[in-house]
C-alpha atoms as a PDB file:
ATOM      1  CA  MET A   1      65.680  35.243 -25.749  1.00  0.00           C
ATOM      2  CA  THR A   2      66.293  38.840 -24.641  1.00  0.00           C
ATOM      3  CA  PRO A   3      63.159  41.012 -24.683  1.00  0.00           C
ATOM      4  CA  ASP A   4      62.974  44.061 -26.894  1.00  0.00           C
ATOM      5  CA  PRO A   5      64.297  46.935 -24.711  1.00  0.00           C
ATOM      6  CA  LEU A   6      61.763  49.241 -26.327  1.00  0.00           C
ATOM      7  CA  SER A   7      58.774  47.321 -25.019  1.00  0.00           C
ATOM      8  CA  SER A   8      57.167  46.798 -21.629  1.00  0.00           C
ATOM      9  CA  ASN A   9      54.344  44.954 -19.924  1.00  0.00           C
ATOM     10  CA  TRP A  10      53.326  48.373 -18.530  1.00  0.00           C
ATOM     11  CA  THR A  11      51.845  51.382 -20.282  1.00  0.00           C
ATOM     12  CA  ILE A  12      52.422  55.006 -19.406  1.00  0.00           C
ATOM     13  CA  GLU A  13      48.676  55.451 -18.994  1.00  0.00           C
ATOM     14  CA  GLU A  14      48.324  52.733 -16.346  1.00  0.00           C
ATOM     15  CA  VAL A  15      51.393  53.907 -14.429  1.00  0.00           C
ATOM     16  CA  LEU A  16      50.189  57.533 -14.452  1.00  0.00           C
ATOM     17  CA  LYS A  17      46.758  56.402 -13.297  1.00  0.00           C
ATOM     18  CA  ALA A  18      48.471  54.973 -10.199  1.00  0.00           C
ATOM     19  CA  LEU A  19      50.005  58.417  -9.474  1.00  0.00           C
ATOM     20  CA  PRO A  20      46.986  60.757  -9.338  1.00  0.00           C
ATOM     21  CA  ASP A  21      48.500  63.285  -6.909  1.00  0.00           C
ATOM     22  CA  VAL A  22      51.440  64.325  -9.101  1.00  0.00           C
ATOM     23  CA  ASP A  23      51.593  66.160 -12.417  1.00  0.00           C
ATOM     24  CA  ARG A  24      53.149  64.997 -15.644  1.00  0.00           C
ATOM     25  CA  VAL A  25      55.636  67.692 -16.680  1.00  0.00           C
ATOM     26  CA  ASP A  26      57.435  66.323 -19.741  1.00  0.00           C
ATOM     27  CA  GLU A  27      56.667  67.129 -23.372  1.00  0.00           C
ATOM     28  CA  LEU A  28      54.642  63.922 -23.904  1.00  0.00           C
ATOM     29  CA  GLY A  29      56.952  62.783 -26.701  1.00  0.00           C
ATOM     30  CA  ASP A  30      58.300  59.529 -25.284  1.00  0.00           C
ATOM     31  CA  MET A  31      56.222  56.361 -25.502  1.00  0.00           C
ATOM     32  CA  LEU A  32      58.028  54.581 -22.631  1.00  0.00           C
ATOM     33  CA  ALA A  33      59.066  57.361 -20.245  1.00  0.00           C
ATOM     34  CA  PHE A  34      57.694  60.410 -18.475  1.00  0.00           C
ATOM     35  CA  ARG A  35      58.577  62.981 -15.825  1.00  0.00           C
ATOM     36  CA  VAL A  36      56.357  63.935 -12.892  1.00  0.00           C
ATOM     37  CA  ALA A  37      56.505  66.706 -10.295  1.00  0.00           C
ATOM     38  CA  GLY A  38      54.750  67.406  -7.016  1.00  0.00           C
ATOM     39  CA  THR A  39      54.930  70.033  -4.298  1.00  0.00           C
ATOM     40  CA  HIS A  40      58.722  70.051  -3.807  1.00  0.00           C
ATOM     41  CA  ALA A  41      59.830  72.860  -6.128  1.00  0.00           C
ATOM     42  CA  THR A  42      63.200  71.419  -7.192  1.00  0.00           C
ATOM     43  CA  ARG A  43      62.332  67.727  -7.325  1.00  0.00           C
ATOM     44  CA  THR A  44      61.069  65.569 -10.176  1.00  0.00           C
ATOM     45  CA  ALA A  45      60.911  61.863 -10.889  1.00  0.00           C
ATOM     46  CA  TYR A  46      61.748  60.358 -14.254  1.00  0.00           C
ATOM     47  CA  VAL A  47      59.906  57.072 -14.762  1.00  0.00           C
ATOM     48  CA  TYR A  48      60.859  54.786 -17.606  1.00  0.00           C
ATOM     49  CA  LEU A  49      59.538  51.470 -18.785  1.00  0.00           C
ATOM     50  CA  TYR A  50      62.299  50.368 -21.153  1.00  0.00           C
ATOM     51  CA  CYS A  51      64.392  47.699 -19.423  1.00  0.00           C
ATOM     52  CA  ASN A  52      65.682  44.198 -19.993  1.00  0.00           C
ATOM     53  CA  ASP A  53      62.820  42.870 -17.845  1.00  0.00           C
ATOM     54  CA  LEU A  54      59.377  43.662 -19.230  1.00  0.00           C
ATOM     55  CA  ASP A  55      57.842  43.729 -15.722  1.00  0.00           C
ATOM     56  CA  THR A  56      60.268  46.347 -14.385  1.00  0.00           C
ATOM     57  CA  ILE A  57      59.456  50.004 -13.836  1.00  0.00           C
ATOM     58  CA  SER A  58      62.598  52.123 -13.407  1.00  0.00           C
ATOM     59  CA  TYR A  59      62.824  55.567 -11.877  1.00  0.00           C
ATOM     60  CA  ASP A  60      65.305  58.341 -11.220  1.00  0.00           C
ATOM     61  CA  LEU A  61      64.620  60.677  -8.313  1.00  0.00           C
ATOM     62  CA  GLU A  62      66.030  64.037  -9.368  1.00  0.00           C
ATOM     63  CA  ASP A  63      66.704  67.286  -7.523  1.00  0.00           C
ATOM     64  CA  GLU A  64      68.014  70.203  -9.574  1.00  0.00           C
ATOM     65  CA  SER A  65      69.240  71.957  -6.406  1.00  0.00           C
ATOM     66  CA  VAL A  66      71.757  69.147  -5.768  1.00  0.00           C
ATOM     67  CA  ASP A  67      75.075  69.354  -7.577  1.00  0.00           C
ATOM     68  CA  ASN A  68      76.117  65.715  -7.531  1.00  0.00           C
ATOM     69  CA  GLY A  69      77.949  65.568 -10.848  1.00  0.00           C
ATOM     70  CA  GLU A  70      75.079  63.779 -12.584  1.00  0.00           C
ATOM     71  CA  TRP A  71      73.834  65.463 -15.763  1.00  0.00           C
ATOM     72  CA  ASP A  72      70.229  64.796 -14.748  1.00  0.00           C
ATOM     73  CA  HIS A  73      70.654  65.598 -11.024  1.00  0.00           C
ATOM     74  CA  ALA A  74      69.550  62.071 -10.091  1.00  0.00           C
ATOM     75  CA  VAL A  75      70.130  61.502  -6.393  1.00  0.00           C
ATOM     76  CA  ASN A  76      68.678  58.002  -6.450  1.00  0.00           C
ATOM     77  CA  ARG A  77      67.828  55.430  -9.090  1.00  0.00           C
ATOM     78  CA  GLY A  78      65.713  52.358  -8.563  1.00  0.00           C
ATOM     79  CA  THR A  79      63.393  49.759  -9.964  1.00  0.00           C
ATOM     80  CA  THR A  80      60.187  48.062  -8.933  1.00  0.00           C
ATOM     81  CA  GLU A  81      57.626  45.659 -10.334  1.00  0.00           C
ATOM     82  CA  SER A  82      54.800  47.096  -8.237  1.00  0.00           C
ATOM     83  CA  LEU A  83      52.635  50.157  -8.849  1.00  0.00           C
ATOM     84  CA  GLU A  84      52.029  50.451  -5.093  1.00  0.00           C
ATOM     85  CA  GLU A  85      55.758  50.530  -4.349  1.00  0.00           C
ATOM     86  CA  LEU A  86      56.318  53.057  -7.142  1.00  0.00           C
ATOM     87  CA  ARG A  87      53.532  55.236  -5.724  1.00  0.00           C
ATOM     88  CA  GLN A  88      55.105  55.182  -2.251  1.00  0.00           C
ATOM     89  CA  VAL A  89      58.563  56.083  -3.550  1.00  0.00           C
ATOM     90  CA  ILE A  90      57.292  58.853  -5.848  1.00  0.00           C
ATOM     91  CA  TYR A  91      54.977  60.371  -3.234  1.00  0.00           C
ATOM     92  CA  LEU A  92      57.654  60.379  -0.525  1.00  0.00           C
ATOM     93  CA  TRP A  93      60.021  62.107  -2.948  1.00  0.00           C
ATOM     94  CA  LEU A  94      57.673  64.614  -4.551  1.00  0.00           C
ATOM     95  CA  LEU A  95      54.981  65.480  -2.015  1.00  0.00           C
ATOM     96  CA  GLU A  96      55.809  67.500   1.075  1.00  0.00           C
ATOM     97  CA  ASN A  97      53.406  65.478   3.204  1.00  0.00           C
ATOM     98  CA  GLY A  98      54.341  62.148   1.595  1.00  0.00           C
ATOM     99  CA  GLY A  99      50.982  61.816  -0.132  1.00  0.00           C
END
């Protein structure tokens, strides 16, 4: 049976709690996705929990200064099942000193 793509084993609250050194910058309207920013002025990360695998956390690393033909300026997309791995990826992308 395929899981409901609008559900997750993760919550936004627990994922954000694992990322204390970045700021949530979206409009808080989505129940399964959010955007965070750090000290790099043009970079954000879009984190979303809706996937075919309920344990997966997906992310897009975005840079609005890069014209790569993507509507969202994503320069990398990835997935993880670990909050620690997500923290490392997000901090390396968003924080000038890597967190």
